[in-house]
């Protein structure tokens, strides 16, 4: 059994959020990626279009999620499903931090509003 301890997760900072990578090709996964996303209070996210399906389970706090133009508040225990090709963004406009557990498949790319794309290190 493979167990990844919290202290073994690799932290990445991007757009005001911290991505704690637990499972990725760089850690031996061939198909799946999983990370904890921590978003500080007052953080406005960067809208992007995802190339793969993505699932976010809100663990703490409260975020505003926008999927293909539809915005809704999401709270602990609730899940956001982002279809491949969807435009997506999350904001934490609350007064406290928020965290989510995120899963997707290897190779996810994000295309930003300016047309540039990124392949984040936590999916490689």
PDB file of N, CA and C in Angstrom:
ATOM      1  N   UNK A   1       0.846  -1.176   0.000  1.00  0.00           N
ATOM      2  CA  UNK A   1       0.000   0.000   0.000  1.00  0.00           C
ATOM      3  C   UNK A   1       0.890   1.237   0.000  1.00  0.00           C
ATOM      4  N   UNK A   2       0.547   2.175  -0.853  1.00  0.00           N
ATOM      5  CA  UNK A   2       1.274   3.439  -0.904  1.00  0.00           C
ATOM      6  C   UNK A   2       0.560   4.461  -0.040  1.00  0.00           C
ATOM      7  N   UNK A   3       1.301   5.068   0.838  1.00  0.00           N
ATOM      8  CA  UNK A   3       0.756   6.116   1.696  1.00  0.00           C
ATOM      9  C   UNK A   3       1.623   7.349   1.519  1.00  0.00           C
ATOM     10  N   UNK A   4       0.985   8.473   1.229  1.00  0.00           N
ATOM     11  CA  UNK A   4       1.703   9.741   1.113  1.00  0.00           C
ATOM     12  C   UNK A   4       1.332  10.563   2.329  1.00  0.00           C
ATOM     13  N   UNK A   5       2.302  10.852   3.143  1.00  0.00           N
ATOM     14  CA  UNK A   5       2.083  11.633   4.362  1.00  0.00           C
ATOM     15  C   UNK A   5       2.008  13.118   4.011  1.00  0.00           C
ATOM     16  N   UNK A   6       1.327  13.874   4.841  1.00  0.00           N
ATOM     17  CA  UNK A   6       1.154  15.297   4.569  1.00  0.00           C
ATOM     18  C   UNK A   6       2.490  16.007   4.376  1.00  0.00           C
ATOM     19  N   UNK A   7       3.488  15.662   5.162  1.00  0.00           N
ATOM     20  CA  UNK A   7       4.790  16.324   5.036  1.00  0.00           C
ATOM     21  C   UNK A   7       5.503  15.962   3.727  1.00  0.00           C
ATOM     22  N   UNK A   8       5.028  14.933   3.025  1.00  0.00           N
ATOM     23  CA  UNK A   8       5.623  14.538   1.753  1.00  0.00           C
ATOM     24  C   UNK A   8       5.001  15.256   0.556  1.00  0.00           C
ATOM     25  N   UNK A   9       3.873  15.904   0.762  1.00  0.00           N
ATOM     26  CA  UNK A   9       3.212  16.627  -0.332  1.00  0.00           C
ATOM     27  C   UNK A   9       4.106  17.785  -0.764  1.00  0.00           C
ATOM     28  N   UNK A  10       4.149  18.010  -2.056  1.00  0.00           N
ATOM     29  CA  UNK A  10       4.974  19.090  -2.611  1.00  0.00           C
ATOM     30  C   UNK A  10       4.080  20.311  -2.816  1.00  0.00           C
ATOM     31  N   UNK A  11       4.454  21.424  -2.196  1.00  0.00           N
ATOM     32  CA  UNK A  11       3.647  22.647  -2.277  1.00  0.00           C
ATOM     33  C   UNK A  11       4.077  23.505  -3.460  1.00  0.00           C
ATOM     34  N   UNK A  12       3.086  24.013  -4.170  1.00  0.00           N
ATOM     35  CA  UNK A  12       3.302  24.926  -5.300  1.00  0.00           C
ATOM     36  C   UNK A  12       2.415  26.149  -5.083  1.00  0.00           C
ATOM     37  N   UNK A  13       2.935  27.319  -5.373  1.00  0.00           N
ATOM     38  CA  UNK A  13       2.168  28.560  -5.258  1.00  0.00           C
ATOM     39  C   UNK A  13       1.826  29.050  -6.659  1.00  0.00           C
ATOM     40  N   UNK A  14       0.559  29.408  -6.867  1.00  0.00           N
ATOM     41  CA  UNK A  14       0.147  29.956  -8.154  1.00  0.00           C
ATOM     42  C   UNK A  14      -1.127  30.760  -7.963  1.00  0.00           C
ATOM     43  N   UNK A  15      -1.140  31.966  -8.488  1.00  0.00           N
ATOM     44  CA  UNK A  15      -2.322  32.825  -8.485  1.00  0.00           C
ATOM     45  C   UNK A  15      -2.913  33.005  -7.088  1.00  0.00           C
ATOM     46  N   UNK A  16      -2.061  33.134  -6.081  1.00  0.00           N
ATOM     47  CA  UNK A  16      -2.531  33.390  -4.726  1.00  0.00           C
ATOM     48  C   UNK A  16      -3.032  32.175  -3.968  1.00  0.00           C
ATOM     49  N   UNK A  17      -2.875  30.997  -4.517  1.00  0.00           N
ATOM     50  CA  UNK A  17      -3.314  29.766  -3.853  1.00  0.00           C
ATOM     51  C   UNK A  17      -2.119  28.824  -3.696  1.00  0.00           C
ATOM     52  N   UNK A  18      -2.273  27.864  -2.788  1.00  0.00           N
ATOM     53  CA  UNK A  18      -1.240  26.852  -2.588  1.00  0.00           C
ATOM     54  C   UNK A  18      -1.811  25.494  -2.977  1.00  0.00           C
ATOM     55  N   UNK A  19      -1.081  24.782  -3.821  1.00  0.00           N
ATOM     56  CA  UNK A  19      -1.461  23.467  -4.320  1.00  0.00           C
ATOM     57  C   UNK A  19      -0.503  22.454  -3.687  1.00  0.00           C
ATOM     58  N   UNK A  20      -1.015  21.591  -2.813  1.00  0.00           N
ATOM     59  CA  UNK A  20      -0.198  20.577  -2.133  1.00  0.00           C
ATOM     60  C   UNK A  20      -0.367  19.265  -2.895  1.00  0.00           C
ATOM     61  N   UNK A  21       0.594  18.926  -3.729  1.00  0.00           N
ATOM     62  CA  UNK A  21       0.510  17.747  -4.589  1.00  0.00           C
ATOM     63  C   UNK A  21       0.815  16.480  -3.809  1.00  0.00           C
ATOM     64  N   UNK A  22      -0.168  15.570  -3.784  1.00  0.00           N
ATOM     65  CA  UNK A  22      -0.002  14.285  -3.130  1.00  0.00           C
ATOM     66  C   UNK A  22       0.224  13.165  -4.144  1.00  0.00           C
ATOM     67  N   UNK A  23      -0.508  13.201  -5.264  1.00  0.00           N
ATOM     68  CA  UNK A  23      -0.422  12.144  -6.270  1.00  0.00           C
ATOM     69  C   UNK A  23      -0.271  12.786  -7.642  1.00  0.00           C
ATOM     70  N   UNK A  24       0.762  12.373  -8.369  1.00  0.00           N
ATOM     71  CA  UNK A  24       1.053  12.901  -9.708  1.00  0.00           C
ATOM     72  C   UNK A  24       2.039  11.941 -10.371  1.00  0.00           C
ATOM     73  N   UNK A  25       2.251  12.076 -11.670  1.00  0.00           N
ATOM     74  CA  UNK A  25       3.261  11.238 -12.317  1.00  0.00           C
ATOM     75  C   UNK A  25       4.634  11.365 -11.648  1.00  0.00           C
ATOM     76  N   UNK A  26       4.958  12.549 -11.164  1.00  0.00           N
ATOM     77  CA  UNK A  26       6.253  12.741 -10.504  1.00  0.00           C
ATOM     78  C   UNK A  26       6.379  11.941  -9.209  1.00  0.00           C
ATOM     79  N   UNK A  27       5.238  11.494  -8.663  1.00  0.00           N
ATOM     80  CA  UNK A  27       5.272  10.668  -7.454  1.00  0.00           C
ATOM     81  C   UNK A  27       4.886   9.218  -7.736  1.00  0.00           C
ATOM     82  N   UNK A  28       4.800   8.861  -9.039  1.00  0.00           N
ATOM     83  CA  UNK A  28       4.585   7.468  -9.405  1.00  0.00           C
ATOM     84  C   UNK A  28       3.226   7.118  -9.987  1.00  0.00           C
ATOM     85  N   UNK A  29       2.305   8.063 -10.077  1.00  0.00           N
ATOM     86  CA  UNK A  29       0.984   7.771 -10.617  1.00  0.00           C
ATOM     87  C   UNK A  29       1.010   7.772 -12.141  1.00  0.00           C
ATOM     88  N   UNK A  30       0.327   6.819 -12.730  1.00  0.00           N
ATOM     89  CA  UNK A  30       0.249   6.751 -14.192  1.00  0.00           C
ATOM     90  C   UNK A  30      -1.028   7.390 -14.732  1.00  0.00           C
ATOM     91  N   UNK A  31      -2.069   7.491 -13.907  1.00  0.00           N
ATOM     92  CA  UNK A  31      -3.365   7.943 -14.411  1.00  0.00           C
ATOM     93  C   UNK A  31      -3.990   9.110 -13.659  1.00  0.00           C
ATOM     94  N   UNK A  32      -3.799   9.178 -12.343  1.00  0.00           N
ATOM     95  CA  UNK A  32      -4.518  10.150 -11.528  1.00  0.00           C
ATOM     96  C   UNK A  32      -3.602  11.189 -10.885  1.00  0.00           C
ATOM     97  N   UNK A  33      -4.208  12.335 -10.601  1.00  0.00           N
ATOM     98  CA  UNK A  33      -3.537  13.394  -9.854  1.00  0.00           C
ATOM     99  C   UNK A  33      -4.480  13.829  -8.742  1.00  0.00           C
ATOM    100  N   UNK A  34      -3.927  14.135  -7.575  1.00  0.00           N
ATOM    101  CA  UNK A  34      -4.731  14.594  -6.452  1.00  0.00           C
ATOM    102  C   UNK A  34      -3.907  15.577  -5.632  1.00  0.00           C
ATOM    103  N   UNK A  35      -4.579  16.650  -5.218  1.00  0.00           N
ATOM    104  CA  UNK A  35      -3.898  17.660  -4.418  1.00  0.00           C
ATOM    105  C   UNK A  35      -4.887  18.355  -3.510  1.00  0.00           C
ATOM    106  N   UNK A  36      -4.335  19.005  -2.474  1.00  0.00           N
ATOM    107  CA  UNK A  36      -5.141  19.855  -1.616  1.00  0.00           C
ATOM    108  C   UNK A  36      -4.896  21.294  -2.043  1.00  0.00           C
ATOM    109  N   UNK A  37      -5.974  21.987  -2.279  1.00  0.00           N
ATOM    110  CA  UNK A  37      -5.921  23.385  -2.686  1.00  0.00           C
ATOM    111  C   UNK A  37      -6.278  24.240  -1.487  1.00  0.00           C
ATOM    112  N   UNK A  38      -5.390  25.142  -1.100  1.00  0.00           N
ATOM    113  CA  UNK A  38      -5.640  26.083  -0.012  1.00  0.00           C
ATOM    114  C   UNK A  38      -5.747  27.477  -0.602  1.00  0.00           C
ATOM    115  N   UNK A  39      -6.863  28.153  -0.288  1.00  0.00           N
ATOM    116  CA  UNK A  39      -7.121  29.478  -0.834  1.00  0.00           C
ATOM    117  C   UNK A  39      -7.313  30.446   0.330  1.00  0.00           C
ATOM    118  N   UNK A  40      -6.466  31.451   0.402  1.00  0.00           N
ATOM    119  CA  UNK A  40      -6.547  32.447   1.472  1.00  0.00           C
ATOM    120  C   UNK A  40      -7.802  33.303   1.320  1.00  0.00           C
ATOM    121  N   UNK A  41      -8.260  33.834   2.421  1.00  0.00           N
ATOM    122  CA  UNK A  41      -9.414  34.734   2.410  1.00  0.00           C
ATOM    123  C   UNK A  41      -9.146  35.900   1.473  1.00  0.00           C
ATOM    124  N   UNK A  42     -10.172  36.313   0.754  1.00  0.00           N
ATOM    125  CA  UNK A  42     -10.054  37.468  -0.131  1.00  0.00           C
ATOM    126  C   UNK A  42      -9.348  37.210  -1.445  1.00  0.00           C
ATOM    127  N   UNK A  43      -9.118  35.951  -1.780  1.00  0.00           N
ATOM    128  CA  UNK A  43      -8.414  35.618  -3.024  1.00  0.00           C
ATOM    129  C   UNK A  43      -9.398  35.508  -4.186  1.00  0.00           C
ATOM    130  N   UNK A  44      -9.120  36.257  -5.235  1.00  0.00           N
ATOM    131  CA  UNK A  44      -9.903  36.157  -6.463  1.00  0.00           C
ATOM    132  C   UNK A  44      -9.108  35.285  -7.423  1.00  0.00           C
ATOM    133  N   UNK A  45      -9.702  34.192  -7.858  1.00  0.00           N
ATOM    134  CA  UNK A  45      -9.012  33.235  -8.721  1.00  0.00           C
ATOM    135  C   UNK A  45      -8.873  33.722 -10.149  1.00  0.00           C
ATOM    136  N   UNK A  46      -8.159  32.934 -10.924  1.00  0.00           N
ATOM    137  CA  UNK A  46      -7.929  33.238 -12.335  1.00  0.00           C
ATOM    138  C   UNK A  46      -8.787  32.283 -13.173  1.00  0.00           C
ATOM    139  N   UNK A  47      -9.755  32.810 -13.904  1.00  0.00           N
ATOM    140  CA  UNK A  47     -10.576  31.939 -14.743  1.00  0.00           C
ATOM    141  C   UNK A  47      -9.712  31.225 -15.788  1.00  0.00           C
ATOM    142  N   UNK A  48     -10.061  29.978 -16.053  1.00  0.00           N
ATOM    143  CA  UNK A  48      -9.312  29.185 -17.023  1.00  0.00           C
ATOM    144  C   UNK A  48     -10.216  28.101 -17.593  1.00  0.00           C
ATOM    145  N   UNK A  49      -9.813  27.530 -18.699  1.00  0.00           N
ATOM    146  CA  UNK A  49     -10.541  26.429 -19.333  1.00  0.00           C
ATOM    147  C   UNK A  49      -9.697  25.174 -19.139  1.00  0.00           C
ATOM    148  N   UNK A  50     -10.320  24.093 -18.646  1.00  0.00           N
ATOM    149  CA  UNK A  50      -9.582  22.865 -18.347  1.00  0.00           C
ATOM    150  C   UNK A  50      -9.719  21.854 -19.481  1.00  0.00           C
ATOM    151  N   UNK A  51      -8.659  21.113 -19.708  1.00  0.00           N
ATOM    152  CA  UNK A  51      -8.644  20.121 -20.786  1.00  0.00           C
ATOM    153  C   UNK A  51      -9.144  18.754 -20.345  1.00  0.00           C
ATOM    154  N   UNK A  52      -9.263  18.550 -19.044  1.00  0.00           N
ATOM    155  CA  UNK A  52      -9.704  17.263 -18.488  1.00  0.00           C
ATOM    156  C   UNK A  52     -10.756  17.516 -17.424  1.00  0.00           C
ATOM    157  N   UNK A  53     -11.539  16.498 -17.107  1.00  0.00           N
ATOM    158  CA  UNK A  53     -12.488  16.621 -16.005  1.00  0.00           C
ATOM    159  C   UNK A  53     -11.729  16.863 -14.706  1.00  0.00           C
ATOM    160  N   UNK A  54     -12.367  17.630 -13.839  1.00  0.00           N
ATOM    161  CA  UNK A  54     -11.758  17.951 -12.550  1.00  0.00           C
ATOM    162  C   UNK A  54     -12.864  17.920 -11.491  1.00  0.00           C
ATOM    163  N   UNK A  55     -12.540  17.399 -10.315  1.00  0.00           N
ATOM    164  CA  UNK A  55     -13.504  17.312  -9.221  1.00  0.00           C
ATOM    165  C   UNK A  55     -12.885  17.960  -7.994  1.00  0.00           C
ATOM    166  N   UNK A  56     -13.644  18.845  -7.350  1.00  0.00           N
ATOM    167  CA  UNK A  56     -13.197  19.510  -6.131  1.00  0.00           C
ATOM    168  C   UNK A  56     -14.176  19.209  -5.011  1.00  0.00           C
ATOM    169  N   UNK A  57     -13.696  18.651  -3.913  1.00  0.00           N
ATOM    170  CA  UNK A  57     -14.478  18.427  -2.703  1.00  0.00           C
ATOM    171  C   UNK A  57     -14.077  19.514  -1.718  1.00  0.00           C
ATOM    172  N   UNK A  58     -15.016  20.369  -1.356  1.00  0.00           N
ATOM    173  CA  UNK A  58     -14.708  21.445  -0.422  1.00  0.00           C
ATOM    174  C   UNK A  58     -14.573  20.839   0.971  1.00  0.00           C
ATOM    175  N   UNK A  59     -13.423  21.074   1.606  1.00  0.00           N
ATOM    176  CA  UNK A  59     -13.142  20.504   2.920  1.00  0.00           C
ATOM    177  C   UNK A  59     -13.366  21.516   4.031  1.00  0.00           C
ATOM    178  N   UNK A  60     -13.073  22.788   3.770  1.00  0.00           N
ATOM    179  CA  UNK A  60     -13.278  23.817   4.790  1.00  0.00           C
ATOM    180  C   UNK A  60     -13.471  25.158   4.108  1.00  0.00           C
ATOM    181  N   UNK A  61     -14.107  26.061   4.828  1.00  0.00           N
ATOM    182  CA  UNK A  61     -14.334  27.396   4.290  1.00  0.00           C
ATOM    183  C   UNK A  61     -15.487  27.413   3.305  1.00  0.00           C
ATOM    184  N   UNK A  62     -15.476  28.433   2.485  1.00  0.00           N
ATOM    185  CA  UNK A  62     -16.553  28.643   1.523  1.00  0.00           C
ATOM    186  C   UNK A  62     -15.962  29.327   0.304  1.00  0.00           C
ATOM    187  N   UNK A  63     -16.295  28.832  -0.878  1.00  0.00           N
ATOM    188  CA  UNK A  63     -15.797  29.456  -2.102  1.00  0.00           C
ATOM    189  C   UNK A  63     -16.945  29.737  -3.062  1.00  0.00           C
ATOM    190  N   UNK A  64     -16.665  30.641  -3.969  1.00  0.00           N
ATOM    191  CA  UNK A  64     -17.588  30.915  -5.068  1.00  0.00           C
ATOM    192  C   UNK A  64     -16.976  30.246  -6.290  1.00  0.00           C
ATOM    193  N   UNK A  65     -17.686  29.260  -6.837  1.00  0.00           N
ATOM    194  CA  UNK A  65     -17.204  28.542  -8.014  1.00  0.00           C
ATOM    195  C   UNK A  65     -18.017  28.983  -9.222  1.00  0.00           C
ATOM    196  N   UNK A  66     -17.320  29.199 -10.329  1.00  0.00           N
ATOM    197  CA  UNK A  66     -17.989  29.552 -11.577  1.00  0.00           C
ATOM    198  C   UNK A  66     -17.594  28.532 -12.634  1.00  0.00           C
ATOM    199  N   UNK A  67     -18.598  27.821 -13.154  1.00  0.00           N
ATOM    200  CA  UNK A  67     -18.378  26.833 -14.211  1.00  0.00           C
ATOM    201  C   UNK A  67     -19.219  27.258 -15.405  1.00  0.00           C
ATOM    202  N   UNK A  68     -18.553  27.528 -16.523  1.00  0.00           N
ATOM    203  CA  UNK A  68     -19.223  27.980 -17.748  1.00  0.00           C
ATOM    204  C   UNK A  68     -20.217  29.114 -17.490  1.00  0.00           C
ATOM    205  N   UNK A  69     -19.767  30.082 -16.685  1.00  0.00           N
ATOM    206  CA  UNK A  69     -20.556  31.283 -16.438  1.00  0.00           C
ATOM    207  C   UNK A  69     -21.574  31.185 -15.319  1.00  0.00           C
ATOM    208  N   UNK A  70     -21.826  29.993 -14.792  1.00  0.00           N
ATOM    209  CA  UNK A  70     -22.779  29.817 -13.694  1.00  0.00           C
ATOM    210  C   UNK A  70     -22.024  29.817 -12.371  1.00  0.00           C
ATOM    211  N   UNK A  71     -22.295  30.823 -11.520  1.00  0.00           N
ATOM    212  CA  UNK A  71     -21.605  30.956 -10.236  1.00  0.00           C
ATOM    213  C   UNK A  71     -22.494  30.479  -9.098  1.00  0.00           C
ATOM    214  N   UNK A  72     -21.866  29.809  -8.126  1.00  0.00           N
ATOM    215  CA  UNK A  72     -22.588  29.353  -6.943  1.00  0.00           C
ATOM    216  C   UNK A  72     -21.629  29.246  -5.768  1.00  0.00           C
ATOM    217  N   UNK A  73     -22.160  29.419  -4.579  1.00  0.00           N
ATOM    218  CA  UNK A  73     -21.379  29.255  -3.358  1.00  0.00           C
ATOM    219  C   UNK A  73     -21.310  27.773  -3.022  1.00  0.00           C
ATOM    220  N   UNK A  74     -20.116  27.319  -2.665  1.00  0.00           N
ATOM    221  CA  UNK A  74     -19.898  25.905  -2.356  1.00  0.00           C
ATOM    222  C   UNK A  74     -19.291  25.814  -0.956  1.00  0.00           C
ATOM    223  N   UNK A  75     -19.839  24.893  -0.159  1.00  0.00           N
ATOM    224  CA  UNK A  75     -19.455  24.768   1.252  1.00  0.00           C
ATOM    225  C   UNK A  75     -18.896  23.369   1.541  1.00  0.00           C
ATOM    226  N   UNK A  76     -18.322  23.170   2.739  1.00  0.00           N
ATOM    227  CA  UNK A  76     -17.738  21.871   3.088  1.00  0.00           C
ATOM    228  C   UNK A  76     -18.703  20.712   2.861  1.00  0.00           C
ATOM    229  N   UNK A  77     -18.154  19.648   2.284  1.00  0.00           N
ATOM    230  CA  UNK A  77     -18.924  18.451   1.990  1.00  0.00           C
ATOM    231  C   UNK A  77     -19.578  18.474   0.618  1.00  0.00           C
ATOM    232  N   UNK A  78     -19.513  19.625  -0.047  1.00  0.00           N
ATOM    233  CA  UNK A  78     -20.094  19.728  -1.383  1.00  0.00           C
ATOM    234  C   UNK A  78     -18.999  19.589  -2.436  1.00  0.00           C
ATOM    235  N   UNK A  79     -19.411  19.151  -3.627  1.00  0.00           N
ATOM    236  CA  UNK A  79     -18.465  18.834  -4.693  1.00  0.00           C
ATOM    237  C   UNK A  79     -18.758  19.680  -5.924  1.00  0.00           C
ATOM    238  N   UNK A  80     -17.696  20.128  -6.561  1.00  0.00           N
ATOM    239  CA  UNK A  80     -17.797  20.827  -7.844  1.00  0.00           C
ATOM    240  C   UNK A  80     -17.280  19.865  -8.907  1.00  0.00           C
ATOM    241  N   UNK A  81     -18.082  19.623  -9.931  1.00  0.00           N
ATOM    242  CA  UNK A  81     -17.648  18.817 -11.072  1.00  0.00           C
ATOM    243  C   UNK A  81     -17.420  19.776 -12.233  1.00  0.00           C
ATOM    244  N   UNK A  82     -16.207  19.761 -12.773  1.00  0.00           N
ATOM    245  CA  UNK A  82     -15.857  20.621 -13.899  1.00  0.00           C
ATOM    246  C   UNK A  82     -15.643  19.723 -15.115  1.00  0.00           C
ATOM    247  N   UNK A  83     -16.533  19.796 -16.110  1.00  0.00           N
ATOM    248  CA  UNK A  83     -16.356  18.976 -17.307  1.00  0.00           C
ATOM    249  C   UNK A  83     -15.130  19.406 -18.118  1.00  0.00           C
ATOM    250  N   UNK A  84     -14.552  18.483 -18.849  1.00  0.00           N
ATOM    251  CA  UNK A  84     -13.454  18.821 -19.758  1.00  0.00           C
ATOM    252  C   UNK A  84     -13.941  19.882 -20.737  1.00  0.00           C
ATOM    253  N   UNK A  85     -13.117  20.896 -20.955  1.00  0.00           N
ATOM    254  CA  UNK A  85     -13.448  21.971 -21.877  1.00  0.00           C
ATOM    255  C   UNK A  85     -14.211  23.115 -21.247  1.00  0.00           C
ATOM    256  N   UNK A  86     -14.607  22.978 -19.985  1.00  0.00           N
ATOM    257  CA  UNK A  86     -15.387  24.025 -19.321  1.00  0.00           C
ATOM    258  C   UNK A  86     -14.500  25.180 -18.880  1.00  0.00           C
ATOM    259  N   UNK A  87     -15.090  26.353 -18.845  1.00  0.00           N
ATOM    260  CA  UNK A  87     -14.450  27.521 -18.245  1.00  0.00           C
ATOM    261  C   UNK A  87     -14.712  27.442 -16.749  1.00  0.00           C
ATOM    262  N   UNK A  88     -13.684  27.705 -15.946  1.00  0.00           N
ATOM    263  CA  UNK A  88     -13.778  27.457 -14.512  1.00  0.00           C
ATOM    264  C   UNK A  88     -12.968  28.466 -13.728  1.00  0.00           C
ATOM    265  N   UNK A  89     -13.475  28.832 -12.564  1.00  0.00           N
ATOM    266  CA  UNK A  89     -12.734  29.684 -11.655  1.00  0.00           C
ATOM    267  C   UNK A  89     -13.289  29.555 -10.254  1.00  0.00           C
ATOM    268  N   UNK A  90     -12.447  29.790  -9.254  1.00  0.00           N
ATOM    269  CA  UNK A  90     -12.886  29.800  -7.860  1.00  0.00           C
ATOM    270  C   UNK A  90     -12.369  31.061  -7.189  1.00  0.00           C
ATOM    271  N   UNK A  91     -13.225  31.655  -6.366  1.00  0.00           N
ATOM    272  CA  UNK A  91     -12.867  32.832  -5.578  1.00  0.00           C
ATOM    273  C   UNK A  91     -13.173  32.524  -4.122  1.00  0.00           C
ATOM    274  N   UNK A  92     -12.329  33.028  -3.241  1.00  0.00           N
ATOM    275  CA  UNK A  92     -12.612  32.946  -1.814  1.00  0.00           C
ATOM    276  C   UNK A  92     -12.789  34.369  -1.315  1.00  0.00           C
ATOM    277  N   UNK A  93     -13.989  34.859  -1.408  1.00  0.00           N
ATOM    278  CA  UNK A  93     -14.276  36.222  -0.971  1.00  0.00           C
ATOM    279  C   UNK A  93     -14.744  36.250   0.478  1.00  0.00           C
ATOM    280  N   UNK A  94     -14.688  35.113   1.154  1.00  0.00           N
ATOM    281  CA  UNK A  94     -15.093  35.035   2.555  1.00  0.00           C
ATOM    282  C   UNK A  94     -13.994  35.624   3.446  1.00  0.00           C
ATOM    283  N   UNK A  95     -14.280  35.683   4.723  1.00  0.00           N
ATOM    284  CA  UNK A  95     -13.326  36.232   5.676  1.00  0.00           C
ATOM    285  C   UNK A  95     -12.336  35.226   6.220  1.00  0.00           C
ATOM    286  N   UNK A  96     -12.415  33.969   5.773  1.00  0.00           N
ATOM    287  CA  UNK A  96     -11.505  32.943   6.276  1.00  0.00           C
ATOM    288  C   UNK A  96     -10.948  32.096   5.153  1.00  0.00           C
ATOM    289  N   UNK A  97      -9.945  31.276   5.463  1.00  0.00           N
ATOM    290  CA  UNK A  97      -9.346  30.411   4.435  1.00  0.00           C
ATOM    291  C   UNK A  97     -10.314  29.319   4.007  1.00  0.00           C
ATOM    292  N   UNK A  98     -10.049  28.743   2.849  1.00  0.00           N
ATOM    293  CA  UNK A  98     -10.840  27.625   2.329  1.00  0.00           C
ATOM    294  C   UNK A  98      -9.882  26.578   1.785  1.00  0.00           C
ATOM    295  N   UNK A  99     -10.314  25.318   1.819  1.00  0.00           N
ATOM    296  CA  UNK A  99      -9.500  24.256   1.229  1.00  0.00           C
ATOM    297  C   UNK A  99     -10.400  23.261   0.516  1.00  0.00           C
ATOM    298  N   UNK A 100      -9.817  22.626  -0.494  1.00  0.00           N
ATOM    299  CA  UNK A 100     -10.535  21.628  -1.285  1.00  0.00           C
ATOM    300  C   UNK A 100      -9.580  20.505  -1.638  1.00  0.00           C
ATOM    301  N   UNK A 101     -10.135  19.301  -1.777  1.00  0.00           N
ATOM    302  CA  UNK A 101      -9.385  18.158  -2.291  1.00  0.00           C
ATOM    303  C   UNK A 101      -9.748  18.057  -3.761  1.00  0.00           C
ATOM    304  N   UNK A 102      -8.738  18.033  -4.626  1.00  0.00           N
ATOM    305  CA  UNK A 102      -8.958  18.080  -6.068  1.00  0.00           C
ATOM    306  C   UNK A 102      -8.397  16.825  -6.715  1.00  0.00           C
ATOM    307  N   UNK A 103      -9.159  16.265  -7.662  1.00  0.00           N
ATOM    308  CA  UNK A 103      -8.686  15.120  -8.435  1.00  0.00           C
ATOM    309  C   UNK A 103      -8.941  15.364  -9.921  1.00  0.00           C
ATOM    310  N   UNK A 104      -8.053  14.822 -10.723  1.00  0.00           N
ATOM    311  CA  UNK A 104      -8.173  14.875 -12.173  1.00  0.00           C
ATOM    312  C   UNK A 104      -7.305  13.760 -12.744  1.00  0.00           C
ATOM    313  N   UNK A 105      -7.179  13.738 -14.055  1.00  0.00           N
ATOM    314  CA  UNK A 105      -6.311  12.755 -14.688  1.00  0.00           C
ATOM    315  C   UNK A 105      -5.022  13.434 -15.150  1.00  0.00           C
ATOM    316  N   UNK A 106      -4.007  12.614 -15.313  1.00  0.00           N
ATOM    317  CA  UNK A 106      -2.701  13.092 -15.752  1.00  0.00           C
ATOM    318  C   UNK A 106      -2.842  13.852 -17.069  1.00  0.00           C
ATOM    319  N   UNK A 107      -2.135  14.958 -17.171  1.00  0.00           N
ATOM    320  CA  UNK A 107      -2.073  15.701 -18.426  1.00  0.00           C
ATOM    321  C   UNK A 107      -2.982  16.905 -18.504  1.00  0.00           C
ATOM    322  N   UNK A 108      -3.701  17.215 -17.435  1.00  0.00           N
ATOM    323  CA  UNK A 108      -4.572  18.379 -17.456  1.00  0.00           C
ATOM    324  C   UNK A 108      -3.786  19.629 -17.849  1.00  0.00           C
ATOM    325  N   UNK A 109      -4.377  20.412 -18.717  1.00  0.00           N
ATOM    326  CA  UNK A 109      -3.822  21.716 -19.064  1.00  0.00           C
ATOM    327  C   UNK A 109      -4.896  22.758 -18.830  1.00  0.00           C
ATOM    328  N   UNK A 110      -4.471  23.960 -18.506  1.00  0.00           N
ATOM    329  CA  UNK A 110      -5.398  25.064 -18.281  1.00  0.00           C
ATOM    330  C   UNK A 110      -5.082  26.165 -19.284  1.00  0.00           C
ATOM    331  N   UNK A 111      -6.120  26.647 -19.963  1.00  0.00           N
ATOM    332  CA  UNK A 111      -5.958  27.759 -20.898  1.00  0.00           C
ATOM    333  C   UNK A 111      -6.531  29.004 -20.243  1.00  0.00           C
ATOM    334  N   UNK A 112      -5.709  30.037 -20.146  1.00  0.00           N
ATOM    335  CA  UNK A 112      -6.107  31.286 -19.509  1.00  0.00           C
ATOM    336  C   UNK A 112      -6.841  32.179 -20.503  1.00  0.00           C
ATOM    337  N   UNK A 113      -7.468  33.228 -19.990  1.00  0.00           N
ATOM    338  CA  UNK A 113      -8.268  34.134 -20.817  1.00  0.00           C
ATOM    339  C   UNK A 113      -7.449  34.771 -21.941  1.00  0.00           C
ATOM    340  N   UNK A 114      -6.149  34.966 -21.722  1.00  0.00           N
ATOM    341  CA  UNK A 114      -5.304  35.583 -22.755  1.00  0.00           C
ATOM    342  C   UNK A 114      -4.849  34.586 -23.823  1.00  0.00           C
ATOM    343  N   UNK A 115      -5.305  33.324 -23.709  1.00  0.00           N
ATOM    344  CA  UNK A 115      -4.953  32.298 -24.693  1.00  0.00           C
ATOM    345  C   UNK A 115      -3.731  31.483 -24.330  1.00  0.00           C
ATOM    346  N   UNK A 116      -2.975  31.916 -23.322  1.00  0.00           N
ATOM    347  CA  UNK A 116      -1.807  31.136 -22.894  1.00  0.00           C
ATOM    348  C   UNK A 116      -2.288  29.900 -22.144  1.00  0.00           C
ATOM    349  N   UNK A 117      -1.461  28.865 -22.138  1.00  0.00           N
ATOM    350  CA  UNK A 117      -1.852  27.659 -21.419  1.00  0.00           C
ATOM    351  C   UNK A 117      -0.714  27.238 -20.477  1.00  0.00           C
ATOM    352  N   UNK A 118      -1.120  26.555 -19.434  1.00  0.00           N
ATOM    353  CA  UNK A 118      -0.139  26.050 -18.465  1.00  0.00           C
ATOM    354  C   UNK A 118      -0.426  24.571 -18.214  1.00  0.00           C
ATOM    355  N   UNK A 119       0.633  23.856 -17.970  1.00  0.00           N
ATOM    356  CA  UNK A 119       0.561  22.464 -17.540  1.00  0.00           C
ATOM    357  C   UNK A 119       1.181  22.458 -16.137  1.00  0.00           C
ATOM    358  N   UNK A 120       0.354  22.567 -15.099  1.00  0.00           N
ATOM    359  CA  UNK A 120       0.888  22.714 -13.753  1.00  0.00           C
ATOM    360  C   UNK A 120       1.754  21.539 -13.311  1.00  0.00           C
ATOM    361  N   UNK A 121       2.774  21.803 -12.503  1.00  0.00           N
ATOM    362  CA  UNK A 121       3.663  20.725 -12.073  1.00  0.00           C
ATOM    363  C   UNK A 121       2.955  19.663 -11.252  1.00  0.00           C
ATOM    364  N   UNK A 122       1.827  19.964 -10.620  1.00  0.00           N
ATOM    365  CA  UNK A 122       1.123  18.962  -9.815  1.00  0.00           C
ATOM    366  C   UNK A 122       0.291  17.994 -10.655  1.00  0.00           C
ATOM    367  N   UNK A 123       0.334  18.127 -12.004  1.00  0.00           N
ATOM    368  CA  UNK A 123      -0.309  17.131 -12.871  1.00  0.00           C
ATOM    369  C   UNK A 123       0.706  16.486 -13.814  1.00  0.00           C
ATOM    370  N   UNK A 124       1.973  16.723 -13.551  1.00  0.00           N
ATOM    371  CA  UNK A 124       3.035  16.142 -14.373  1.00  0.00           C
ATOM    372  C   UNK A 124       3.898  15.205 -13.570  1.00  0.00           C
TER     373      UNK A 124
END
